[in-house]
Amino acid sequence: MNQWTRVVLVLSTLPLLGCPYDSPTPVADASTRPLDTRLAGDWRCVGPKDKEAVVLRFAAISPVELEVDQVGADKPNPFRLHSGTLDGAPVLNLEDRNPDDKNKWALGRYTFLRPNVVHFELAREEPFKAAPAGTKPAETASKALARSDLFADYCVCIRAEEEKR
């Protein structure tokens, strides 16, 4: 089982129509475009078949990088979101911080549906498996993005309320 599959299981997010694509290197070019500052903080994330939401904590490392941890997890599995660009479109290079995983990168994107609701998607594995041998991952991703065939739902998150003290 690859690390991104474990992340999906650990985070109890909705099942994908296939597996997310993972890679030994980032797929998208690094970007200097800042990530949305509204991402910082705690979020309750859930998929439609989940019985419980999980709380993810997003912390800014820099304007183009966020650390993400599951709050209260027995075995932490931190990852980082890096600002990226694919054919001029803003995307995320997701880095699994598990040092044992050689395919530690995934490609994703996010959309704020409302100020306190964010939707995350991950690149599907199928376009990369169907690509001709020798095709660079960025080229495959660009073609699938142009066909609107790259991303699949990952989770929807709502901002967690701060506890009253």
Protein backbone atom coordinates (compact mmCIF):
# COMPACT_ATOMS: atom_id res chain seq x y z
CA MET A 1 0.00 0.00 0.00
CA ASN A 2 1.55 3.33 -1.01
CA GLN A 3 1.81 6.25 1.42
CA TRP A 4 -0.98 8.32 -0.16
CA THR A 5 -3.35 5.40 0.17
CA ARG A 6 -2.42 5.25 3.87
CA VAL A 7 -3.01 9.00 4.17
CA VAL A 8 -6.47 8.54 2.67
CA LEU A 9 -7.23 5.76 5.14
CA VAL A 10 -5.78 7.59 8.14
CA LEU A 11 -7.65 10.77 7.35
CA SER A 12 -10.91 8.89 6.72
CA THR A 13 -11.61 10.89 3.62
CA LEU A 14 -13.90 9.84 0.85
CA PRO A 15 -12.82 7.01 -1.41
CA LEU A 16 -11.53 7.99 -4.82
CA LEU A 17 -12.50 6.50 -8.16
CA GLY A 18 -9.09 4.86 -8.26
CA CYS A 19 -5.92 5.78 -6.42
CA PRO A 20 -4.24 9.15 -6.20
CA TYR A 21 -1.11 9.52 -8.29
CA ASP A 22 2.15 9.62 -6.36
CA SER A 23 5.63 10.40 -7.62
CA PRO A 24 9.24 10.51 -6.41
CA THR A 25 9.41 14.19 -7.48
CA PRO A 26 6.92 17.08 -7.61
CA VAL A 27 4.77 17.00 -10.76
CA ALA A 28 4.05 20.74 -11.03
CA ASP A 29 6.57 23.55 -11.20
CA ALA A 30 7.17 25.35 -7.92
CA SER A 31 5.38 28.68 -7.75
CA THR A 32 5.95 31.94 -5.93
CA ARG A 33 2.16 32.43 -5.84
CA PRO A 34 1.22 32.56 -2.14
CA LEU A 35 -1.21 30.00 -0.82
CA ASP A 36 -4.49 31.41 0.48
CA THR A 37 -3.91 32.58 4.06
CA ARG A 38 -7.42 31.40 4.95
CA LEU A 39 -6.10 27.81 4.89
CA ALA A 40 -4.17 28.31 8.14
CA GLY A 41 -5.97 26.93 11.19
CA ASP A 42 -8.01 23.88 12.14
CA TRP A 43 -10.46 22.25 9.72
CA ARG A 44 -12.96 19.40 10.16
CA CYS A 45 -12.65 17.26 7.05
CA VAL A 46 -15.03 14.56 5.88
CA GLY A 47 -16.14 12.49 2.94
CA PRO A 48 -19.72 11.38 2.24
CA LYS A 49 -19.23 7.82 3.59
CA ASP A 50 -17.34 8.85 6.73
CA LYS A 51 -18.86 8.25 10.13
CA GLU A 52 -16.69 10.92 11.75
CA ALA A 53 -14.80 13.98 10.64
CA VAL A 54 -11.10 14.38 11.34
CA VAL A 55 -9.48 17.65 12.35
CA LEU A 56 -6.55 18.79 10.24
CA ARG A 57 -4.32 21.63 11.38
CA PHE A 58 -2.78 23.78 8.64
CA ALA A 59 0.19 25.92 9.72
CA ALA A 60 2.03 28.38 7.47
CA ILE A 61 5.73 27.58 7.01
CA SER A 62 6.12 30.33 4.41
CA PRO A 63 3.74 32.15 2.05
CA VAL A 64 4.07 29.23 -0.41
CA GLU A 65 4.16 26.29 2.02
CA LEU A 66 1.86 24.85 4.70
CA GLU A 67 2.45 22.02 7.20
CA VAL A 68 -0.60 19.78 7.73
CA ASP A 69 -1.12 17.45 10.70
CA GLN A 70 -4.09 15.45 11.95
CA VAL A 71 -5.04 16.73 15.41
CA GLY A 72 -5.09 13.97 18.03
CA ALA A 73 -3.66 11.24 15.76
CA ASP A 74 -1.91 8.36 17.54
CA LYS A 75 0.65 8.11 14.75
CA PRO A 76 1.38 11.52 13.23
CA ASN A 77 1.63 11.56 9.45
CA PRO A 78 2.50 15.16 8.61
CA PHE A 79 2.60 16.41 5.08
CA ARG A 80 3.24 19.75 3.41
CA LEU A 81 1.42 21.68 0.75
CA HIS A 82 3.67 23.58 -1.66
CA SER A 83 2.38 26.19 -4.10
CA GLY A 84 2.73 24.98 -7.67
CA THR A 85 1.67 25.86 -11.17
CA LEU A 86 0.59 23.65 -14.05
CA ASP A 87 0.02 25.39 -17.38
CA GLY A 88 -0.50 28.65 -15.48
CA ALA A 89 -3.14 27.13 -13.17
CA PRO A 90 -2.50 27.16 -9.42
CA VAL A 91 -2.05 23.68 -7.97
CA LEU A 92 -0.48 22.03 -4.93
CA ASN A 93 2.53 19.77 -4.73
CA LEU A 94 1.77 17.64 -1.65
CA GLU A 95 4.82 16.27 0.13
CA ASP A 96 4.50 13.29 2.44
CA ARG A 97 6.95 13.87 5.30
CA ASN A 98 7.39 10.13 5.96
CA PRO A 99 11.12 9.56 5.31
CA ASP A 100 10.55 5.91 4.32
CA ASP A 101 8.35 6.70 1.33
CA LYS A 102 10.21 7.06 -1.98
CA ASN A 103 7.08 8.23 -3.87
CA LYS A 104 6.35 11.06 -1.49
CA TRP A 105 4.74 13.60 -3.83
CA ALA A 106 1.16 13.99 -4.98
CA LEU A 107 -0.59 16.69 -6.99
CA GLY A 108 -3.71 18.46 -5.79
CA ARG A 109 -5.73 21.64 -5.75
CA TYR A 110 -8.21 23.38 -3.50
CA THR A 111 -11.25 25.59 -3.96
CA PHE A 112 -12.96 27.71 -1.35
CA LEU A 113 -16.67 27.05 -1.76
CA ARG A 114 -17.45 29.59 0.99
CA PRO A 115 -15.12 31.49 3.32
CA ASN A 116 -15.31 28.64 5.86
CA VAL A 117 -15.63 25.66 3.45
CA VAL A 118 -12.79 24.31 1.30
CA HIS A 119 -12.80 21.44 -1.22
CA PHE A 120 -9.61 19.44 -1.87
CA GLU A 121 -8.93 17.29 -4.93
CA LEU A 122 -6.01 14.98 -5.77
CA ALA A 123 -4.68 13.95 -9.17
CA ARG A 124 -5.98 10.55 -10.21
CA GLU A 125 -3.57 7.76 -11.07
CA GLU A 126 -5.43 6.65 -14.22
CA PRO A 127 -4.21 9.39 -16.62
CA PHE A 128 -0.60 8.61 -15.68
CA LYS A 129 -1.05 4.84 -16.12
CA ALA A 130 -2.67 5.38 -19.54
CA ALA A 131 0.11 7.70 -20.79
CA PRO A 132 2.55 6.34 -23.37
CA ALA A 133 5.85 5.09 -21.95
CA GLY A 134 8.41 7.83 -21.52
CA THR A 135 5.85 10.63 -21.16
CA LYS A 136 6.86 13.07 -18.45
CA PRO A 137 4.40 13.33 -15.55
CA ALA A 138 4.00 17.11 -16.04
CA GLU A 139 3.03 16.55 -19.69
CA THR A 140 0.50 13.89 -18.72
CA ALA A 141 -0.92 16.13 -16.00
CA SER A 142 -1.21 19.07 -18.42
CA LYS A 143 -3.13 17.00 -20.97
CA ALA A 144 -5.46 15.56 -18.32
CA LEU A 145 -6.01 19.02 -16.84
CA ALA A 146 -6.98 20.36 -20.29
CA ARG A 147 -9.51 17.51 -20.61
CA SER A 148 -10.83 18.15 -17.07
CA ASP A 149 -9.79 14.57 -16.34
CA LEU A 150 -6.97 15.07 -13.84
CA PHE A 151 -8.49 15.56 -10.41
CA ALA A 152 -10.91 13.59 -8.24
CA ASP A 153 -12.61 14.61 -5.00
CA TYR A 154 -10.52 14.07 -1.89
CA CYS A 155 -12.38 15.78 0.95
CA VAL A 156 -14.43 18.78 1.98
CA CYS A 157 -13.46 20.69 5.09
CA ILE A 158 -15.25 23.23 7.26
CA ARG A 159 -13.38 25.56 9.56
CA ALA A 160 -13.35 24.18 13.12
CA GLU A 161 -14.68 26.54 15.75
CA GLU A 162 -12.27 27.67 18.41
CA GLU A 163 -12.96 26.27 21.84
CA LYS A 164 -14.41 28.68 24.38
CA ARG A 165 -12.09 29.14 27.34
